[in-house]
Amino acid sequence: MEIRIRKYQKDDLIRCTKMVRETYMKCCFSDGTKQASREYMDMYDTDRNLDFAKKMMEMSKIFFVATVDGQIIGLVRGSKERIRGLYVDYRYHRKGVGRALLKKFEKEAYREGSREIRIRGSLYAIPFYQEEGYKKTTGIRSMGGVKIQPMKKILS
């Protein structure tokens, strides 16, 4: 399996939002109240909220997708100081996709002048981020009814 990382393109929107919804449903839905988790997934529903999903996804200054055989299987997006989302199709977990996306994001953030990256990680992703050198900055928080773990990493 050859993983390729490339910049997000506008025509990636539908596949990216579908992959985020599927992965969130499979891995993170129980991290919040049912209402909060449904509202989170609705943000990525292009059938109901195309303009909002497009605006939300394309506001990220740093945005990469991972592909295998031309199919999008992961994404990472954010700014030089913060990862807004890192998702890997659940069928590709533990195959190096998330690590490759994270390294690409960190390299770009560092190139843009950042020396620290913050993330509000899902409870599911805490062990992954810890393996990659991220440290918890506070206890678990609730963000709109969804539990998250604030974390950060100093870049060098």
C-alpha atoms as a PDB file:
ATOM      1  CA  MET A   1       0.000   0.000   0.000  1.00  0.00           C
ATOM      2  CA  GLU A   2       1.526   3.284  -1.111  1.00  0.00           C
ATOM      3  CA  ILE A   3       0.256   6.290   0.827  1.00  0.00           C
ATOM      4  CA  ARG A   4       0.466   9.608  -0.992  1.00  0.00           C
ATOM      5  CA  ILE A   5       0.033  12.950   0.766  1.00  0.00           C
ATOM      6  CA  ARG A   6      -1.056  15.962  -1.287  1.00  0.00           C
ATOM      7  CA  LYS A   7      -2.690  19.333  -0.784  1.00  0.00           C
ATOM      8  CA  TYR A   8      -6.466  19.435  -0.525  1.00  0.00           C
ATOM      9  CA  GLN A   9      -8.282  20.430  -3.707  1.00  0.00           C
ATOM     10  CA  LYS A  10     -11.792  21.877  -3.876  1.00  0.00           C
ATOM     11  CA  ASP A  11     -13.170  18.818  -5.641  1.00  0.00           C
ATOM     12  CA  ASP A  12     -12.104  16.685  -2.614  1.00  0.00           C
ATOM     13  CA  LEU A  13     -14.925  18.125  -0.485  1.00  0.00           C
ATOM     14  CA  ILE A  14     -17.545  15.382  -0.854  1.00  0.00           C
ATOM     15  CA  ARG A  15     -15.139  12.472  -0.281  1.00  0.00           C
ATOM     16  CA  CYS A  16     -13.508  14.217   2.675  1.00  0.00           C
ATOM     17  CA  THR A  17     -16.788  15.033   4.424  1.00  0.00           C
ATOM     18  CA  LYS A  18     -18.114  11.508   3.823  1.00  0.00           C
ATOM     19  CA  MET A  19     -14.943   9.984   5.266  1.00  0.00           C
ATOM     20  CA  VAL A  20     -15.088  12.296   8.324  1.00  0.00           C
ATOM     21  CA  ARG A  21     -18.721  11.323   8.999  1.00  0.00           C
ATOM     22  CA  GLU A  22     -18.065   7.588   8.622  1.00  0.00           C
ATOM     23  CA  THR A  23     -14.978   7.673  10.831  1.00  0.00           C
ATOM     24  CA  TYR A  24     -16.599   9.855  13.499  1.00  0.00           C
ATOM     25  CA  MET A  25     -19.628   7.545  13.597  1.00  0.00           C
ATOM     26  CA  LYS A  26     -17.459   4.435  13.941  1.00  0.00           C
ATOM     27  CA  CYS A  27     -14.847   5.757  16.400  1.00  0.00           C
ATOM     28  CA  CYS A  28     -16.028   8.866  18.250  1.00  0.00           C
ATOM     29  CA  PHE A  29     -19.840   9.021  18.291  1.00  0.00           C
ATOM     30  CA  SER A  30     -20.004   7.824  21.900  1.00  0.00           C
ATOM     31  CA  ASP A  31     -17.604  10.571  23.078  1.00  0.00           C
ATOM     32  CA  GLY A  32     -20.519  12.977  23.434  1.00  0.00           C
ATOM     33  CA  THR A  33     -24.215  13.171  23.926  1.00  0.00           C
ATOM     34  CA  LYS A  34     -26.253  11.734  21.066  1.00  0.00           C
ATOM     35  CA  GLN A  35     -27.504  15.225  20.198  1.00  0.00           C
ATOM     36  CA  ALA A  36     -24.006  16.747  20.239  1.00  0.00           C
ATOM     37  CA  SER A  37     -22.577  13.919  18.134  1.00  0.00           C
ATOM     38  CA  ARG A  38     -25.418  14.223  15.600  1.00  0.00           C
ATOM     39  CA  GLU A  39     -24.872  17.995  15.395  1.00  0.00           C
ATOM     40  CA  TYR A  40     -21.155  17.431  14.834  1.00  0.00           C
ATOM     41  CA  MET A  41     -21.859  14.978  12.033  1.00  0.00           C
ATOM     42  CA  ASP A  42     -24.442  17.342  10.525  1.00  0.00           C
ATOM     43  CA  MET A  43     -21.699  19.953  10.024  1.00  0.00           C
ATOM     44  CA  TYR A  44     -20.142  17.555   7.526  1.00  0.00           C
ATOM     45  CA  ASP A  45     -23.419  16.614   5.788  1.00  0.00           C
ATOM     46  CA  THR A  46     -23.038  18.056   2.289  1.00  0.00           C
ATOM     47  CA  ASP A  47     -26.569  16.983   1.335  1.00  0.00           C
ATOM     48  CA  ARG A  48     -28.033  19.246   4.027  1.00  0.00           C
ATOM     49  CA  ASN A  49     -25.306  21.831   4.664  1.00  0.00           C
ATOM     50  CA  LEU A  50     -23.148  22.038   1.528  1.00  0.00           C
ATOM     51  CA  ASP A  51     -22.223  25.726   1.872  1.00  0.00           C
ATOM     52  CA  PHE A  52     -21.412  25.415   5.575  1.00  0.00           C
ATOM     53  CA  ALA A  53     -19.347  22.232   5.078  1.00  0.00           C
ATOM     54  CA  LYS A  54     -17.469  23.853   2.214  1.00  0.00           C
ATOM     55  CA  LYS A  55     -16.757  27.023   4.216  1.00  0.00           C
ATOM     56  CA  MET A  56     -15.664  25.041   7.268  1.00  0.00           C
ATOM     57  CA  MET A  57     -13.342  22.725   5.334  1.00  0.00           C
ATOM     58  CA  GLU A  58     -11.800  25.391   3.119  1.00  0.00           C
ATOM     59  CA  MET A  59     -11.050  27.874   5.908  1.00  0.00           C
ATOM     60  CA  SER A  60      -7.971  25.861   6.877  1.00  0.00           C
ATOM     61  CA  LYS A  61      -4.697  27.387   5.748  1.00  0.00           C
ATOM     62  CA  ILE A  62      -2.918  24.029   5.986  1.00  0.00           C
ATOM     63  CA  PHE A  63      -4.859  21.125   4.507  1.00  0.00           C
ATOM     64  CA  PHE A  64      -3.536  17.793   3.261  1.00  0.00           C
ATOM     65  CA  VAL A  65      -5.232  14.587   2.180  1.00  0.00           C
ATOM     66  CA  ALA A  66      -3.848  11.056   2.146  1.00  0.00           C
ATOM     67  CA  THR A  67      -4.648   8.835  -0.806  1.00  0.00           C
ATOM     68  CA  VAL A  68      -4.169   5.202  -1.733  1.00  0.00           C
ATOM     69  CA  ASP A  69      -4.757   4.278  -5.359  1.00  0.00           C
ATOM     70  CA  GLY A  70      -6.265   7.735  -5.902  1.00  0.00           C
ATOM     71  CA  GLN A  71      -8.880   7.327  -3.127  1.00  0.00           C
ATOM     72  CA  ILE A  72      -8.906   9.752  -0.182  1.00  0.00           C
ATOM     73  CA  ILE A  73      -8.387   7.814   3.033  1.00  0.00           C
ATOM     74  CA  GLY A  74      -7.383  10.599   5.430  1.00  0.00           C
ATOM     75  CA  LEU A  75      -7.070  14.318   6.000  1.00  0.00           C
ATOM     76  CA  VAL A  76      -5.470  16.837   8.293  1.00  0.00           C
ATOM     77  CA  ARG A  77      -6.408  20.501   8.382  1.00  0.00           C
ATOM     78  CA  GLY A  78      -5.795  23.583  10.480  1.00  0.00           C
ATOM     79  CA  SER A  79      -3.545  26.581  10.910  1.00  0.00           C
ATOM     80  CA  LYS A  80       0.112  26.787  11.815  1.00  0.00           C
ATOM     81  CA  GLU A  81      -0.813  26.798  15.536  1.00  0.00           C
ATOM     82  CA  ARG A  82      -3.718  24.329  15.655  1.00  0.00           C
ATOM     83  CA  ILE A  83      -4.904  21.132  14.062  1.00  0.00           C
ATOM     84  CA  ARG A  84      -8.633  21.519  13.439  1.00  0.00           C
ATOM     85  CA  GLY A  85      -9.137  17.943  12.322  1.00  0.00           C
ATOM     86  CA  LEU A  86      -7.203  14.783  11.607  1.00  0.00           C
ATOM     87  CA  TYR A  87      -9.266  11.882  10.311  1.00  0.00           C
ATOM     88  CA  VAL A  88      -8.258   8.562   8.816  1.00  0.00           C
ATOM     89  CA  ASP A  89     -10.785   6.188   7.289  1.00  0.00           C
ATOM     90  CA  TYR A  90     -11.278   3.637  10.063  1.00  0.00           C
ATOM     91  CA  ARG A  91     -10.392   0.801   7.665  1.00  0.00           C
ATOM     92  CA  TYR A  92      -6.860   2.282   7.435  1.00  0.00           C
ATOM     93  CA  HIS A  93      -6.154   2.807  11.140  1.00  0.00           C
ATOM     94  CA  ARG A  94      -2.757   1.611  12.411  1.00  0.00           C
ATOM     95  CA  LYS A  95      -1.245   1.560   8.920  1.00  0.00           C
ATOM     96  CA  GLY A  96       0.833   4.772   9.144  1.00  0.00           C
ATOM     97  CA  VAL A  97      -1.685   7.088   7.452  1.00  0.00           C
ATOM     98  CA  GLY A  98      -2.315   9.319  10.480  1.00  0.00           C
ATOM     99  CA  ARG A  99       1.394   9.494  11.256  1.00  0.00           C
ATOM    100  CA  ALA A 100       2.214  10.514   7.671  1.00  0.00           C
ATOM    101  CA  LEU A 101      -0.471  13.222   7.697  1.00  0.00           C
ATOM    102  CA  LEU A 102       0.635  14.512  11.097  1.00  0.00           C
ATOM    103  CA  LYS A 103       4.304  14.715  10.078  1.00  0.00           C
ATOM    104  CA  LYS A 104       3.399  16.596   6.889  1.00  0.00           C
ATOM    105  CA  PHE A 105       1.245  19.032   8.871  1.00  0.00           C
ATOM    106  CA  GLU A 106       3.935  19.593  11.514  1.00  0.00           C
ATOM    107  CA  LYS A 107       6.599  20.191   8.862  1.00  0.00           C
ATOM    108  CA  GLU A 108       4.412  22.769   7.104  1.00  0.00           C
ATOM    109  CA  ALA A 109       3.476  24.490  10.385  1.00  0.00           C
ATOM    110  CA  TYR A 110       7.148  24.677  11.354  1.00  0.00           C
ATOM    111  CA  ARG A 111       8.025  26.084   7.925  1.00  0.00           C
ATOM    112  CA  GLU A 112       5.392  28.775   8.492  1.00  0.00           C
ATOM    113  CA  GLY A 113       6.988  29.748  11.809  1.00  0.00           C
ATOM    114  CA  SER A 114       5.103  27.707  14.404  1.00  0.00           C
ATOM    115  CA  ARG A 115       7.025  26.127  17.249  1.00  0.00           C
ATOM    116  CA  GLU A 116       3.977  24.651  18.984  1.00  0.00           C
ATOM    117  CA  ILE A 117       0.851  22.884  17.758  1.00  0.00           C
ATOM    118  CA  ARG A 118      -2.326  22.436  19.751  1.00  0.00           C
ATOM    119  CA  ILE A 119      -5.190  20.042  19.158  1.00  0.00           C
ATOM    120  CA  ARG A 120      -8.484  19.162  20.758  1.00  0.00           C
ATOM    121  CA  GLY A 121      -8.162  15.424  20.364  1.00  0.00           C
ATOM    122  CA  SER A 122     -10.972  12.915  20.525  1.00  0.00           C
ATOM    123  CA  LEU A 123     -10.823  10.471  23.398  1.00  0.00           C
ATOM    124  CA  TYR A 124     -10.270   7.734  20.819  1.00  0.00           C
ATOM    125  CA  ALA A 125      -7.154   9.488  19.463  1.00  0.00           C
ATOM    126  CA  ILE A 126      -5.383  10.284  22.759  1.00  0.00           C
ATOM    127  CA  PRO A 127      -3.000   7.269  22.588  1.00  0.00           C
ATOM    128  CA  PHE A 128      -2.100   8.087  18.972  1.00  0.00           C
ATOM    129  CA  TYR A 129      -1.212  11.693  19.780  1.00  0.00           C
ATOM    130  CA  GLN A 130       0.755  10.648  22.851  1.00  0.00           C
ATOM    131  CA  GLU A 131       2.790   8.225  20.707  1.00  0.00           C
ATOM    132  CA  GLU A 132       3.546  11.179  18.427  1.00  0.00           C
ATOM    133  CA  GLY A 133       4.850  13.368  21.268  1.00  0.00           C
ATOM    134  CA  TYR A 134       1.713  15.344  22.166  1.00  0.00           C
ATOM    135  CA  LYS A 135       1.084  16.071  25.847  1.00  0.00           C
ATOM    136  CA  LYS A 136      -2.207  16.649  27.619  1.00  0.00           C
ATOM    137  CA  THR A 137      -2.542  20.303  28.623  1.00  0.00           C
ATOM    138  CA  THR A 138      -5.638  19.999  30.819  1.00  0.00           C
ATOM    139  CA  GLY A 139      -8.154  17.368  31.745  1.00  0.00           C
ATOM    140  CA  ILE A 140     -10.898  16.200  29.442  1.00  0.00           C
ATOM    141  CA  ARG A 141     -13.266  19.004  28.436  1.00  0.00           C
ATOM    142  CA  SER A 142     -16.729  19.145  26.926  1.00  0.00           C
ATOM    143  CA  MET A 143     -17.004  21.145  23.724  1.00  0.00           C
ATOM    144  CA  GLY A 144     -20.667  21.550  22.861  1.00  0.00           C
ATOM    145  CA  GLY A 145     -21.442  18.222  24.493  1.00  0.00           C
ATOM    146  CA  VAL A 146     -18.565  16.315  22.849  1.00  0.00           C
ATOM    147  CA  LYS A 147     -15.661  15.238  25.072  1.00  0.00           C
ATOM    148  CA  ILE A 148     -12.217  16.349  23.900  1.00  0.00           C
ATOM    149  CA  GLN A 149      -8.688  16.246  25.271  1.00  0.00           C
ATOM    150  CA  PRO A 150      -6.632  19.428  24.745  1.00  0.00           C
ATOM    151  CA  MET A 151      -3.053  18.561  23.817  1.00  0.00           C
ATOM    152  CA  LYS A 152       0.058  20.254  22.454  1.00  0.00           C
ATOM    153  CA  LYS A 153       3.436  19.472  21.016  1.00  0.00           C
ATOM    154  CA  ILE A 154       6.560  21.618  20.909  1.00  0.00           C
ATOM    155  CA  LEU A 155       8.108  21.439  17.442  1.00  0.00           C
ATOM    156  CA  SER A 156      11.854  21.300  16.946  1.00  0.00           C
END
